[in-house]
Amino acid sequence: MIAQGIGQIAGNNMAAALGIIWMSAFLSSVVDNVPFAATRAPLIKDLSVITGLELNQIAWSLSLGTDIGGNGTPIGASADVVGVAVAEKNKYPINWGTYCKVAYPSMIVSVAVCYAIPLLRYVVP
């Protein structure tokens, strides 16, 4: 149902794939990125069939958004959880506000750069 909704909104163009980058980035910042990507795999497969886009296009979008987006919060990626725990263990606690104030803007810039990759790979001749 989610794939059908995205397909109706975006149509059969790269908007679906590019929207996946941003959606997955923001959602994977609050949900660990590994289970997030695993649960989205069937969605992108269905979306490929519905929109007619190549699965590679949508898979790259999901991969880039999920991987980079996971760095936005302390719980978005396993490495973030470990890094915050190690810092706390060494008497350098990092609270959510401090972490997000630094990480979220850099995550958004990184996702914006990654936004260009599918465009250059699949749209620009």
PDB file of N, CA and C in Angstrom:
ATOM      1  N   MET A   1       0.818  -1.193   0.000  1.00  0.00           N
ATOM      2  CA  MET A   1       0.000   0.000   0.000  1.00  0.00           C
ATOM      3  C   MET A   1       0.868   1.265   0.000  1.00  0.00           C
ATOM      4  N   ILE A   2       1.973   1.201   0.749  1.00  0.00           N
ATOM      5  CA  ILE A   2       2.876   2.357   0.790  1.00  0.00           C
ATOM      6  C   ILE A   2       3.493   2.587  -0.579  1.00  0.00           C
ATOM      7  N   ALA A   3       3.911   1.498  -1.230  1.00  0.00           N
ATOM      8  CA  ALA A   3       4.510   1.611  -2.568  1.00  0.00           C
ATOM      9  C   ALA A   3       3.502   2.180  -3.555  1.00  0.00           C
ATOM     10  N   GLN A   4       2.239   1.766  -3.461  1.00  0.00           N
ATOM     11  CA  GLN A   4       1.219   2.300  -4.357  1.00  0.00           C
ATOM     12  C   GLN A   4       1.009   3.789  -4.117  1.00  0.00           C
ATOM     13  N   GLY A   5       1.007   4.189  -2.853  1.00  0.00           N
ATOM     14  CA  GLY A   5       0.856   5.611  -2.529  1.00  0.00           C
ATOM     15  C   GLY A   5       2.001   6.441  -3.070  1.00  0.00           C
ATOM     16  N   ILE A   6       3.224   5.957  -2.880  1.00  0.00           N
ATOM     17  CA  ILE A   6       4.388   6.678  -3.393  1.00  0.00           C
ATOM     18  C   ILE A   6       4.339   6.725  -4.914  1.00  0.00           C
ATOM     19  N   GLY A   7       3.961   5.611  -5.532  1.00  0.00           N
ATOM     20  CA  GLY A   7       3.861   5.550  -6.989  1.00  0.00           C
ATOM     21  C   GLY A   7       2.835   6.518  -7.542  1.00  0.00           C
ATOM     22  N   GLN A   8       1.709   6.662  -6.854  1.00  0.00           N
ATOM     23  CA  GLN A   8       0.671   7.602  -7.308  1.00  0.00           C
ATOM     24  C   GLN A   8       1.129   9.043  -7.170  1.00  0.00           C
ATOM     25  N   ILE A   9       1.842   9.331  -6.095  1.00  0.00           N
ATOM     26  CA  ILE A   9       2.314  10.701  -5.876  1.00  0.00           C
ATOM     27  C   ILE A   9       3.430  11.057  -6.856  1.00  0.00           C
ATOM     28  N   ALA A  10       4.391  10.155  -7.006  1.00  0.00           N
ATOM     29  CA  ALA A  10       5.584  10.463  -7.804  1.00  0.00           C
ATOM     30  C   ALA A  10       5.454  10.102  -9.264  1.00  0.00           C
ATOM     31  N   GLY A  11       4.559   9.202  -9.590  1.00  0.00           N
ATOM     32  CA  GLY A  11       4.462   8.752 -10.968  1.00  0.00           C
ATOM     33  C   GLY A  11       5.602   7.807 -11.300  1.00  0.00           C
ATOM     34  N   ASN A  12       5.877   7.652 -12.586  1.00  0.00           N
ATOM     35  CA  ASN A  12       6.937   6.713 -12.980  1.00  0.00           C
ATOM     36  C   ASN A  12       8.192   7.455 -13.395  1.00  0.00           C
ATOM     37  N   ASN A  13       8.602   8.394 -12.578  1.00  0.00           N
ATOM     38  CA  ASN A  13       9.829   9.118 -12.878  1.00  0.00           C
ATOM     39  C   ASN A  13      10.779   9.046 -11.684  1.00  0.00           C
ATOM     40  N   MET A  14      11.870   9.724 -11.786  1.00  0.00           N
ATOM     41  CA  MET A  14      12.889   9.667 -10.745  1.00  0.00           C
ATOM     42  C   MET A  14      12.445  10.330  -9.444  1.00  0.00           C
ATOM     43  N   ALA A  15      11.317  11.019  -9.437  1.00  0.00           N
ATOM     44  CA  ALA A  15      10.854  11.649  -8.198  1.00  0.00           C
ATOM     45  C   ALA A  15      10.647  10.611  -7.108  1.00  0.00           C
ATOM     46  N   ALA A  16      10.201   9.438  -7.480  1.00  0.00           N
ATOM     47  CA  ALA A  16      10.006   8.374  -6.486  1.00  0.00           C
ATOM     48  C   ALA A  16      11.344   7.981  -5.879  1.00  0.00           C
ATOM     49  N   ALA A  17      12.335   7.761  -6.719  1.00  0.00           N
ATOM     50  CA  ALA A  17      13.644   7.351  -6.230  1.00  0.00           C
ATOM     51  C   ALA A  17      14.300   8.458  -5.410  1.00  0.00           C
ATOM     52  N   LEU A  18      14.168   9.684  -5.855  1.00  0.00           N
ATOM     53  CA  LEU A  18      14.791  10.784  -5.141  1.00  0.00           C
ATOM     54  C   LEU A  18      14.068  11.082  -3.829  1.00  0.00           C
ATOM     55  N   GLY A  19      12.763  10.889  -3.814  1.00  0.00           N
ATOM     56  CA  GLY A  19      12.013  11.046  -2.569  1.00  0.00           C
ATOM     57  C   GLY A  19      12.399   9.995  -1.546  1.00  0.00           C
ATOM     58  N   ILE A  20      12.751   8.814  -2.027  1.00  0.00           N
ATOM     59  CA  ILE A  20      13.180   7.731  -1.140  1.00  0.00           C
ATOM     60  C   ILE A  20      14.438   8.140  -0.382  1.00  0.00           C
ATOM     61  N   ILE A  21      15.335   8.880  -1.016  1.00  0.00           N
ATOM     62  CA  ILE A  21      16.557   9.316  -0.337  1.00  0.00           C
ATOM     63  C   ILE A  21      16.205  10.119   0.910  1.00  0.00           C
ATOM     64  N   TRP A  22      15.374  11.139   0.731  1.00  0.00           N
ATOM     65  CA  TRP A  22      15.047  12.016   1.857  1.00  0.00           C
ATOM     66  C   TRP A  22      14.194  11.305   2.896  1.00  0.00           C
ATOM     67  N   MET A  23      13.208  10.536   2.448  1.00  0.00           N
ATOM     68  CA  MET A  23      12.360   9.813   3.389  1.00  0.00           C
ATOM     69  C   MET A  23      13.197   8.857   4.234  1.00  0.00           C
ATOM     70  N   SER A  24      14.052   8.095   3.577  1.00  0.00           N
ATOM     71  CA  SER A  24      14.845   7.117   4.310  1.00  0.00           C
ATOM     72  C   SER A  24      15.866   7.799   5.213  1.00  0.00           C
ATOM     73  N   ALA A  25      16.386   8.937   4.813  1.00  0.00           N
ATOM     74  CA  ALA A  25      17.353   9.649   5.657  1.00  0.00           C
ATOM     75  C   ALA A  25      16.707  10.090   6.964  1.00  0.00           C
ATOM     76  N   PHE A  26      15.561  10.725   6.872  1.00  0.00           N
ATOM     77  CA  PHE A  26      14.927  11.233   8.085  1.00  0.00           C
ATOM     78  C   PHE A  26      14.369  10.110   8.956  1.00  0.00           C
ATOM     79  N   LEU A  27      13.805   9.090   8.342  1.00  0.00           N
ATOM     80  CA  LEU A  27      13.265   7.989   9.136  1.00  0.00           C
ATOM     81  C   LEU A  27      14.369   7.143   9.764  1.00  0.00           C
ATOM     82  N   SER A  28      15.453   6.923   9.044  1.00  0.00           N
ATOM     83  CA  SER A  28      16.522   6.098   9.613  1.00  0.00           C
ATOM     84  C   SER A  28      17.332   6.843  10.660  1.00  0.00           C
ATOM     85  N   SER A  29      17.117   8.142  10.792  1.00  0.00           N
ATOM     86  CA  SER A  29      17.801   8.859  11.863  1.00  0.00           C
ATOM     87  C   SER A  29      17.172   8.565  13.222  1.00  0.00           C
ATOM     88  N   VAL A  30      15.925   8.102  13.228  1.00  0.00           N
ATOM     89  CA  VAL A  30      15.265   7.778  14.491  1.00  0.00           C
ATOM     90  C   VAL A  30      15.025   6.285  14.669  1.00  0.00           C
ATOM     91  N   VAL A  31      15.260   5.520  13.615  1.00  0.00           N
ATOM     92  CA  VAL A  31      15.165   4.057  13.673  1.00  0.00           C
ATOM     93  C   VAL A  31      16.521   3.537  13.218  1.00  0.00           C
ATOM     94  N   ASP A  32      17.069   2.561  13.917  1.00  0.00           N
ATOM     95  CA  ASP A  32      18.372   2.022  13.529  1.00  0.00           C
ATOM     96  C   ASP A  32      18.376   1.693  12.042  1.00  0.00           C
ATOM     97  N   ASN A  33      19.429   2.078  11.338  1.00  0.00           N
ATOM     98  CA  ASN A  33      19.418   1.986   9.880  1.00  0.00           C
ATOM     99  C   ASN A  33      19.431   0.560   9.325  1.00  0.00           C
ATOM    100  N   VAL A  34      19.961  -0.410  10.041  1.00  0.00           N
ATOM    101  CA  VAL A  34      19.983  -1.779   9.506  1.00  0.00           C
ATOM    102  C   VAL A  34      18.574  -2.378   9.437  1.00  0.00           C
ATOM    103  N   PRO A  35      17.804  -2.382  10.536  1.00  0.00           N
ATOM    104  CA  PRO A  35      16.446  -2.907  10.409  1.00  0.00           C
ATOM    105  C   PRO A  35      15.571  -2.046   9.505  1.00  0.00           C
ATOM    106  N   PHE A  36      15.829  -0.734   9.473  1.00  0.00           N
ATOM    107  CA  PHE A  36      15.051   0.124   8.590  1.00  0.00           C
ATOM    108  C   PHE A  36      15.238  -0.294   7.136  1.00  0.00           C
ATOM    109  N   ALA A  37      16.489  -0.489   6.722  1.00  0.00           N
ATOM    110  CA  ALA A  37      16.767  -0.897   5.341  1.00  0.00           C
ATOM    111  C   ALA A  37      16.178  -2.272   5.047  1.00  0.00           C
ATOM    112  N   ALA A  38      16.273  -3.178   6.004  1.00  0.00           N
ATOM    113  CA  ALA A  38      15.741  -4.532   5.798  1.00  0.00           C
ATOM    114  C   ALA A  38      14.227  -4.516   5.613  1.00  0.00           C
ATOM    115  N   THR A  39      13.536  -3.661   6.349  1.00  0.00           N
ATOM    116  CA  THR A  39      12.076  -3.614   6.215  1.00  0.00           C
ATOM    117  C   THR A  39      11.629  -2.839   4.986  1.00  0.00           C
ATOM    118  N   ARG A  40      12.498  -2.029   4.426  1.00  0.00           N
ATOM    119  CA  ARG A  40      12.150  -1.253   3.222  1.00  0.00           C
ATOM    120  C   ARG A  40      12.447  -2.006   1.930  1.00  0.00           C
ATOM    121  N   ALA A  41      13.187  -3.090   1.999  1.00  0.00           N
ATOM    122  CA  ALA A  41      13.520  -3.849   0.789  1.00  0.00           C
ATOM    123  C   ALA A  41      12.280  -4.298   0.017  1.00  0.00           C
ATOM    124  N   PRO A  42      11.261  -4.877   0.667  1.00  0.00           N
ATOM    125  CA  PRO A  42      10.056  -5.241  -0.092  1.00  0.00           C
ATOM    126  C   PRO A  42       9.340  -4.024  -0.677  1.00  0.00           C
ATOM    127  N   LEU A  43       9.404  -2.903   0.034  1.00  0.00           N
ATOM    128  CA  LEU A  43       8.766  -1.677  -0.461  1.00  0.00           C
ATOM    129  C   LEU A  43       9.390  -1.233  -1.773  1.00  0.00           C
ATOM    130  N   ILE A  44      10.723  -1.204  -1.838  1.00  0.00           N
ATOM    131  CA  ILE A  44      11.344  -0.727  -3.071  1.00  0.00           C
ATOM    132  C   ILE A  44      11.163  -1.722  -4.213  1.00  0.00           C
ATOM    133  N   LYS A  45      11.073  -2.991  -3.876  1.00  0.00           N
ATOM    134  CA  LYS A  45      10.810  -3.984  -4.924  1.00  0.00           C
ATOM    135  C   LYS A  45       9.430  -3.742  -5.530  1.00  0.00           C
ATOM    136  N   ASP A  46       8.423  -3.533  -4.682  1.00  0.00           N
ATOM    137  CA  ASP A  46       7.074  -3.235  -5.169  1.00  0.00           C
ATOM    138  C   ASP A  46       7.029  -1.908  -5.907  1.00  0.00           C
ATOM    139  N   LEU A  47       7.744  -0.928  -5.389  1.00  0.00           N
ATOM    140  CA  LEU A  47       7.768   0.386  -6.027  1.00  0.00           C
ATOM    141  C   LEU A  47       8.376   0.305  -7.424  1.00  0.00           C
ATOM    142  N   SER A  48       9.364  -0.528  -7.598  1.00  0.00           N
ATOM    143  CA  SER A  48       9.974  -0.729  -8.908  1.00  0.00           C
ATOM    144  C   SER A  48       8.958  -1.275  -9.903  1.00  0.00           C
ATOM    145  N   VAL A  49       8.180  -2.236  -9.459  1.00  0.00           N
ATOM    146  CA  VAL A  49       7.157  -2.822 -10.334  1.00  0.00           C
ATOM    147  C   VAL A  49       6.069  -1.804 -10.657  1.00  0.00           C
ATOM    148  N   ILE A  50       5.631  -1.061  -9.641  1.00  0.00           N
ATOM    149  CA  ILE A  50       4.531  -0.100  -9.819  1.00  0.00           C
ATOM    150  C   ILE A  50       4.929   1.069 -10.712  1.00  0.00           C
ATOM    151  N   THR A  51       6.144   1.619 -10.490  1.00  0.00           N
ATOM    152  CA  THR A  51       6.556   2.808 -11.245  1.00  0.00           C
ATOM    153  C   THR A  51       7.260   2.484 -12.550  1.00  0.00           C
ATOM    154  N   GLY A  52       7.781   1.267 -12.674  1.00  0.00           N
ATOM    155  CA  GLY A  52       8.538   0.918 -13.871  1.00  0.00           C
ATOM    156  C   GLY A  52       9.986   1.360 -13.810  1.00  0.00           C
ATOM    157  N   LEU A  53      10.408   1.926 -12.686  1.00  0.00           N
ATOM    158  CA  LEU A  53      11.810   2.318 -12.532  1.00  0.00           C
ATOM    159  C   LEU A  53      12.660   1.079 -12.305  1.00  0.00           C
ATOM    160  N   GLU A  54      13.918   1.168 -12.697  1.00  0.00           N
ATOM    161  CA  GLU A  54      14.827   0.063 -12.440  1.00  0.00           C
ATOM    162  C   GLU A  54      15.009  -0.085 -10.931  1.00  0.00           C
ATOM    163  N   LEU A  55      15.099  -1.314 -10.486  1.00  0.00           N
ATOM    164  CA  LEU A  55      15.294  -1.564  -9.056  1.00  0.00           C
ATOM    165  C   LEU A  55      16.596  -0.947  -8.566  1.00  0.00           C
ATOM    166  N   ASN A  56      17.621  -0.925  -9.413  1.00  0.00           N
ATOM    167  CA  ASN A  56      18.907  -0.320  -9.025  1.00  0.00           C
ATOM    168  C   ASN A  56      18.757   1.142  -8.631  1.00  0.00           C
ATOM    169  N   GLN A  57      17.938   1.883  -9.372  1.00  0.00           N
ATOM    170  CA  GLN A  57      17.737   3.298  -9.072  1.00  0.00           C
ATOM    171  C   GLN A  57      17.176   3.485  -7.667  1.00  0.00           C
ATOM    172  N   ILE A  58      16.160   2.717  -7.361  1.00  0.00           N
ATOM    173  CA  ILE A  58      15.501   2.862  -6.069  1.00  0.00           C
ATOM    174  C   ILE A  58      16.373   2.286  -4.959  1.00  0.00           C
ATOM    175  N   ALA A  59      17.085   1.210  -5.242  1.00  0.00           N
ATOM    176  CA  ALA A  59      17.957   0.608  -4.223  1.00  0.00           C
ATOM    177  C   ALA A  59      19.090   1.554  -3.846  1.00  0.00           C
ATOM    178  N   TRP A  60      19.670   2.235  -4.824  1.00  0.00           N
ATOM    179  CA  TRP A  60      20.709   3.218  -4.520  1.00  0.00           C
ATOM    180  C   TRP A  60      20.145   4.336  -3.658  1.00  0.00           C
ATOM    181  N   SER A  61      18.966   4.787  -3.983  1.00  0.00           N
ATOM    182  CA  SER A  61      18.346   5.858  -3.207  1.00  0.00           C
ATOM    183  C   SER A  61      18.117   5.428  -1.765  1.00  0.00           C
ATOM    184  N   LEU A  62      17.605   4.225  -1.585  1.00  0.00           N
ATOM    185  CA  LEU A  62      17.379   3.708  -0.240  1.00  0.00           C
ATOM    186  C   LEU A  62      18.703   3.563   0.505  1.00  0.00           C
ATOM    187  N   SER A  63      19.696   3.005  -0.155  1.00  0.00           N
ATOM    188  CA  SER A  63      20.996   2.783   0.488  1.00  0.00           C
ATOM    189  C   SER A  63      21.649   4.091   0.922  1.00  0.00           C
ATOM    190  N   LEU A  64      21.672   5.052   0.039  1.00  0.00           N
ATOM    191  CA  LEU A  64      22.309   6.326   0.362  1.00  0.00           C
ATOM    192  C   LEU A  64      21.584   7.052   1.484  1.00  0.00           C
ATOM    193  N   GLY A  65      20.277   7.158   1.365  1.00  0.00           N
ATOM    194  CA  GLY A  65      19.506   7.862   2.388  1.00  0.00           C
ATOM    195  C   GLY A  65      19.578   7.190   3.740  1.00  0.00           C
ATOM    196  N   THR A  66      19.443   5.872   3.744  1.00  0.00           N
ATOM    197  CA  THR A  66      19.456   5.137   5.011  1.00  0.00           C
ATOM    198  C   THR A  66      20.822   5.198   5.673  1.00  0.00           C
ATOM    199  N   ASP A  67      21.868   5.025   4.898  1.00  0.00           N
ATOM    200  CA  ASP A  67      23.208   5.023   5.473  1.00  0.00           C
ATOM    201  C   ASP A  67      23.576   6.386   6.032  1.00  0.00           C
ATOM    202  N   ILE A  68      23.389   7.424   5.272  1.00  0.00           N
ATOM    203  CA  ILE A  68      23.762   8.763   5.719  1.00  0.00           C
ATOM    204  C   ILE A  68      22.793   9.265   6.786  1.00  0.00           C
ATOM    205  N   GLY A  69      21.515   8.991   6.625  1.00  0.00           N
ATOM    206  CA  GLY A  69      20.514   9.450   7.583  1.00  0.00           C
ATOM    207  C   GLY A  69      20.705   8.887   8.971  1.00  0.00           C
ATOM    208  N   GLY A  70      21.256   7.691   9.057  1.00  0.00           N
ATOM    209  CA  GLY A  70      21.486   7.082  10.357  1.00  0.00           C
ATOM    210  C   GLY A  70      22.430   7.865  11.242  1.00  0.00           C
ATOM    211  N   ASN A  71      23.170   8.789  10.670  1.00  0.00           N
ATOM    212  CA  ASN A  71      24.125   9.577  11.448  1.00  0.00           C
ATOM    213  C   ASN A  71      23.505  10.810  12.101  1.00  0.00           C
ATOM    214  N   GLY A  72      22.221  11.038  11.889  1.00  0.00           N
ATOM    215  CA  GLY A  72      21.579  12.243  12.410  1.00  0.00           C
ATOM    216  C   GLY A  72      21.338  12.254  13.905  1.00  0.00           C
ATOM    217  N   THR A  73      21.142  11.101  14.499  1.00  0.00           N
ATOM    218  CA  THR A  73      20.871  11.026  15.937  1.00  0.00           C
ATOM    219  C   THR A  73      21.753   9.943  16.570  1.00  0.00           C
ATOM    220  N   PRO A  74      21.862   9.945  17.880  1.00  0.00           N
ATOM    221  CA  PRO A  74      22.695   8.942  18.544  1.00  0.00           C
ATOM    222  C   PRO A  74      22.184   7.506  18.404  1.00  0.00           C
ATOM    223  N   ILE A  75      20.927   7.321  18.011  1.00  0.00           N
ATOM    224  CA  ILE A  75      20.403   5.958  17.886  1.00  0.00           C
ATOM    225  C   ILE A  75      20.187   5.535  16.448  1.00  0.00           C
ATOM    226  N   GLY A  76      20.534   6.373  15.490  1.00  0.00           N
ATOM    227  CA  GLY A  76      20.268   6.083  14.087  1.00  0.00           C
ATOM    228  C   GLY A  76      21.147   5.006  13.492  1.00  0.00           C
ATOM    229  N   ALA A  77      22.301   4.795  14.057  1.00  0.00           N
ATOM    230  CA  ALA A  77      23.220   3.776  13.546  1.00  0.00           C
ATOM    231  C   ALA A  77      23.959   3.149  14.725  1.00  0.00           C
ATOM    232  N   SER A  78      24.325   1.914  14.568  1.00  0.00           N
ATOM    233  CA  SER A  78      25.025   1.196  15.629  1.00  0.00           C
ATOM    234  C   SER A  78      26.327   1.887  16.010  1.00  0.00           C
ATOM    235  N   ALA A  79      27.037   2.417  15.034  1.00  0.00           N
ATOM    236  CA  ALA A  79      28.297   3.111  15.317  1.00  0.00           C
ATOM    237  C   ALA A  79      28.061   4.348  16.177  1.00  0.00           C
ATOM    238  N   ASP A  80      26.930   5.012  15.988  1.00  0.00           N
ATOM    239  CA  ASP A  80      26.613   6.184  16.799  1.00  0.00           C
ATOM    240  C   ASP A  80      26.383   5.781  18.253  1.00  0.00           C
ATOM    241  N   VAL A  81      25.657   4.701  18.452  1.00  0.00           N
ATOM    242  CA  VAL A  81      25.391   4.202  19.803  1.00  0.00           C
ATOM    243  C   VAL A  81      26.710   3.862  20.506  1.00  0.00           C
ATOM    244  N   VAL A  82      27.578   3.171  19.799  1.00  0.00           N
ATOM    245  CA  VAL A  82      28.875   2.785  20.373  1.00  0.00           C
ATOM    246  C   VAL A  82      29.717   4.029  20.659  1.00  0.00           C
ATOM    247  N   GLY A  83      29.754   4.961  19.728  1.00  0.00           N
ATOM    248  CA  GLY A  83      30.551   6.172  19.920  1.00  0.00           C
ATOM    249  C   GLY A  83      30.097   6.982  21.119  1.00  0.00           C
ATOM    250  N   VAL A  84      28.791   7.134  21.300  1.00  0.00           N
ATOM    251  CA  VAL A  84      28.261   7.879  22.439  1.00  0.00           C
ATOM    252  C   VAL A  84      28.567   7.130  23.739  1.00  0.00           C
ATOM    253  N   ALA A  85      28.454   5.801  23.718  1.00  0.00           N
ATOM    254  CA  ALA A  85      28.751   5.003  24.914  1.00  0.00           C
ATOM    255  C   ALA A  85      30.227   5.089  25.289  1.00  0.00           C
ATOM    256  N   VAL A  86      31.104   5.031  24.312  1.00  0.00           N
ATOM    257  CA  VAL A  86      32.541   5.137  24.581  1.00  0.00           C
ATOM    258  C   VAL A  86      32.875   6.521  25.127  1.00  0.00           C
ATOM    259  N   ALA A  87      32.276   7.548  24.566  1.00  0.00           N
ATOM    260  CA  ALA A  87      32.523   8.904  25.057  1.00  0.00           C
ATOM    261  C   ALA A  87      32.059   9.034  26.508  1.00  0.00           C
ATOM    262  N   GLU A  88      30.894   8.486  26.807  1.00  0.00           N
ATOM    263  CA  GLU A  88      30.384   8.552  28.183  1.00  0.00           C
ATOM    264  C   GLU A  88      31.274   7.763  29.142  1.00  0.00           C
ATOM    265  N   LYS A  89      31.723   6.616  28.705  1.00  0.00           N
ATOM    266  CA  LYS A  89      32.608   5.793  29.538  1.00  0.00           C
ATOM    267  C   LYS A  89      33.905   6.528  29.869  1.00  0.00           C
ATOM    268  N   ASN A  90      34.357   7.354  28.951  1.00  0.00           N
ATOM    269  CA  ASN A  90      35.585   8.117  29.144  1.00  0.00           C
ATOM    270  C   ASN A  90      35.321   9.508  29.724  1.00  0.00           C
ATOM    271  N   LYS A  91      34.192   9.634  30.406  1.00  0.00           N
ATOM    272  CA  LYS A  91      33.831  10.863  31.124  1.00  0.00           C
ATOM    273  C   LYS A  91      33.647  12.067  30.193  1.00  0.00           C
ATOM    274  N   TYR A  92      33.142  11.808  29.003  1.00  0.00           N
ATOM    275  CA  TYR A  92      32.823  12.881  28.063  1.00  0.00           C
ATOM    276  C   TYR A  92      31.410  12.630  27.525  1.00  0.00           C
ATOM    277  N   PRO A  93      30.405  12.834  28.377  1.00  0.00           N
ATOM    278  CA  PRO A  93      29.034  12.530  27.951  1.00  0.00           C
ATOM    279  C   PRO A  93      28.562  13.463  26.835  1.00  0.00           C
ATOM    280  N   ILE A  94      27.850  12.879  25.897  1.00  0.00           N
ATOM    281  CA  ILE A  94      27.282  13.642  24.783  1.00  0.00           C
ATOM    282  C   ILE A  94      25.770  13.486  24.868  1.00  0.00           C
ATOM    283  N   ASN A  95      25.077  14.598  25.113  1.00  0.00           N
ATOM    284  CA  ASN A  95      23.610  14.500  25.208  1.00  0.00           C
ATOM    285  C   ASN A  95      22.968  14.615  23.829  1.00  0.00           C
ATOM    286  N   TRP A  96      21.688  14.298  23.767  1.00  0.00           N
ATOM    287  CA  TRP A  96      20.975  14.296  22.488  1.00  0.00           C
ATOM    288  C   TRP A  96      21.023  15.643  21.794  1.00  0.00           C
ATOM    289  N   GLY A  97      20.784  16.695  22.536  1.00  0.00           N
ATOM    290  CA  GLY A  97      20.761  18.030  21.935  1.00  0.00           C
ATOM    291  C   GLY A  97      22.079  18.401  21.290  1.00  0.00           C
ATOM    292  N   THR A  98      23.152  18.162  22.000  1.00  0.00           N
ATOM    293  CA  THR A  98      24.479  18.460  21.470  1.00  0.00           C
ATOM    294  C   THR A  98      24.779  17.622  20.238  1.00  0.00           C
ATOM    295  N   TYR A  99      24.479  16.328  20.332  1.00  0.00           N
ATOM    296  CA  TYR A  99      24.744  15.432  19.213  1.00  0.00           C
ATOM    297  C   TYR A  99      23.963  15.867  17.976  1.00  0.00           C
ATOM    298  N   CYS A 100      22.654  16.087  18.151  1.00  0.00           N
ATOM    299  CA  CYS A 100      21.801  16.426  17.000  1.00  0.00           C
ATOM    300  C   CYS A 100      22.136  17.796  16.421  1.00  0.00           C
ATOM    301  N   LYS A 101      22.552  18.733  17.285  1.00  0.00           N
ATOM    302  CA  LYS A 101      22.898  20.066  16.797  1.00  0.00           C
ATOM    303  C   LYS A 101      24.079  20.016  15.832  1.00  0.00           C
ATOM    304  N   VAL A 102      24.994  19.101  16.073  1.00  0.00           N
ATOM    305  CA  VAL A 102      26.164  18.945  15.209  1.00  0.00           C
ATOM    306  C   VAL A 102      25.873  17.988  14.055  1.00  0.00           C
ATOM    307  N   ALA A 103      25.252  16.861  14.366  1.00  0.00           N
ATOM    308  CA  ALA A 103      25.109  15.791  13.372  1.00  0.00           C
ATOM    309  C   ALA A 103      24.008  16.044  12.342  1.00  0.00           C
ATOM    310  N   TYR A 104      22.876  16.610  12.745  1.00  0.00           N
ATOM    311  CA  TYR A 104      21.771  16.751  11.800  1.00  0.00           C
ATOM    312  C   TYR A 104      22.093  17.676  10.621  1.00  0.00           C
ATOM    313  N   PRO A 105      22.676  18.850  10.863  1.00  0.00           N
ATOM    314  CA  PRO A 105      23.030  19.684   9.705  1.00  0.00           C
ATOM    315  C   PRO A 105      24.020  19.009   8.762  1.00  0.00           C
ATOM    316  N   SER A 106      25.014  18.319   9.312  1.00  0.00           N
ATOM    317  CA  SER A 106      25.972  17.646   8.439  1.00  0.00           C
ATOM    318  C   SER A 106      25.319  16.479   7.712  1.00  0.00           C
ATOM    319  N   MET A 107      24.356  15.820   8.357  1.00  0.00           N
ATOM    320  CA  MET A 107      23.621  14.746   7.699  1.00  0.00           C
ATOM    321  C   MET A 107      22.824  15.302   6.513  1.00  0.00           C
ATOM    322  N   ILE A 108      22.176  16.428   6.706  1.00  0.00           N
ATOM    323  CA  ILE A 108      21.374  17.026   5.632  1.00  0.00           C
ATOM    324  C   ILE A 108      22.258  17.422   4.454  1.00  0.00           C
ATOM    325  N   VAL A 109      23.411  18.003   4.728  1.00  0.00           N
ATOM    326  CA  VAL A 109      24.340  18.371   3.649  1.00  0.00           C
ATOM    327  C   VAL A 109      24.824  17.115   2.918  1.00  0.00           C
ATOM    328  N   SER A 110      25.142  16.078   3.660  1.00  0.00           N
ATOM    329  CA  SER A 110      25.617  14.832   3.046  1.00  0.00           C
ATOM    330  C   SER A 110      24.528  14.195   2.184  1.00  0.00           C
ATOM    331  N   VAL A 111      23.300  14.206   2.663  1.00  0.00           N
ATOM    332  CA  VAL A 111      22.195  13.639   1.879  1.00  0.00           C
ATOM    333  C   VAL A 111      21.964  14.481   0.628  1.00  0.00           C
ATOM    334  N   ALA A 112      22.087  15.784   0.745  1.00  0.00           N
ATOM    335  CA  ALA A 112      21.929  16.655  -0.431  1.00  0.00           C
ATOM    336  C   ALA A 112      22.982  16.336  -1.490  1.00  0.00           C
ATOM    337  N   VAL A 113      24.199  16.079  -1.053  1.00  0.00           N
ATOM    338  CA  VAL A 113      25.255  15.699  -2.002  1.00  0.00           C
ATOM    339  C   VAL A 113      24.910  14.343  -2.621  1.00  0.00           C
ATOM    340  N   CYS A 114      24.467  13.412  -1.780  1.00  0.00           N
ATOM    341  CA  CYS A 114      24.096  12.084  -2.282  1.00  0.00           C
ATOM    342  C   CYS A 114      22.892  12.137  -3.215  1.00  0.00           C
ATOM    343  N   TYR A 115      22.063  13.138  -3.080  1.00  0.00           N
ATOM    344  CA  TYR A 115      20.906  13.341  -3.948  1.00  0.00           C
ATOM    345  C   TYR A 115      21.350  13.462  -5.405  1.00  0.00           C
ATOM    346  N   ALA A 116      22.535  13.996  -5.602  1.00  0.00           N
ATOM    347  CA  ALA A 116      23.058  14.186  -6.955  1.00  0.00           C
ATOM    348  C   ALA A 116      23.496  12.878  -7.608  1.00  0.00           C
ATOM    349  N   ILE A 117      23.847  11.880  -6.813  1.00  0.00           N
ATOM    350  CA  ILE A 117      24.373  10.636  -7.382  1.00  0.00           C
ATOM    351  C   ILE A 117      23.358   9.938  -8.282  1.00  0.00           C
ATOM    352  N   PRO A 118      22.129   9.661  -7.816  1.00  0.00           N
ATOM    353  CA  PRO A 118      21.160   9.037  -8.741  1.00  0.00           C
ATOM    354  C   PRO A 118      20.813   9.943  -9.924  1.00  0.00           C
ATOM    355  N   LEU A 119      20.790  11.249  -9.690  1.00  0.00           N
ATOM    356  CA  LEU A 119      20.512  12.163 -10.808  1.00  0.00           C
ATOM    357  C   LEU A 119      21.575  12.031 -11.891  1.00  0.00           C
ATOM    358  N   LEU A 120      22.833  12.068 -11.483  1.00  0.00           N
ATOM    359  CA  LEU A 120      23.916  11.965 -12.454  1.00  0.00           C
ATOM    360  C   LEU A 120      23.992  10.581 -13.077  1.00  0.00           C
ATOM    361  N   ARG A 121      23.693   9.581 -12.304  1.00  0.00           N
ATOM    362  CA  ARG A 121      23.813   8.188 -12.795  1.00  0.00           C
ATOM    363  C   ARG A 121      22.677   7.793 -13.729  1.00  0.00           C
ATOM    364  N   TYR A 122      21.454   8.214 -13.402  1.00  0.00           N
ATOM    365  CA  TYR A 122      20.300   7.700 -14.128  1.00  0.00           C
ATOM    366  C   TYR A 122      19.528   8.750 -14.945  1.00  0.00           C
ATOM    367  N   VAL A 123      19.738  10.040 -14.696  1.00  0.00           N
ATOM    368  CA  VAL A 123      18.956  11.032 -15.406  1.00  0.00           C
ATOM    369  C   VAL A 123      19.785  11.782 -16.446  1.00  0.00           C
ATOM    370  N   VAL A 124      20.939  12.298 -16.039  1.00  0.00           N
ATOM    371  CA  VAL A 124      21.779  13.075 -16.952  1.00  0.00           C
ATOM    372  C   VAL A 124      22.475  12.117 -17.920  1.00  0.00           C
ATOM    373  N   PRO A 125      22.311  12.358 -19.240  1.00  0.00           N
ATOM    374  CA  PRO A 125      22.935  11.460 -20.212  1.00  0.00           C
ATOM    375  C   PRO A 125      24.438  11.619 -20.282  1.00  0.00           C
TER     376      PRO A 125
END
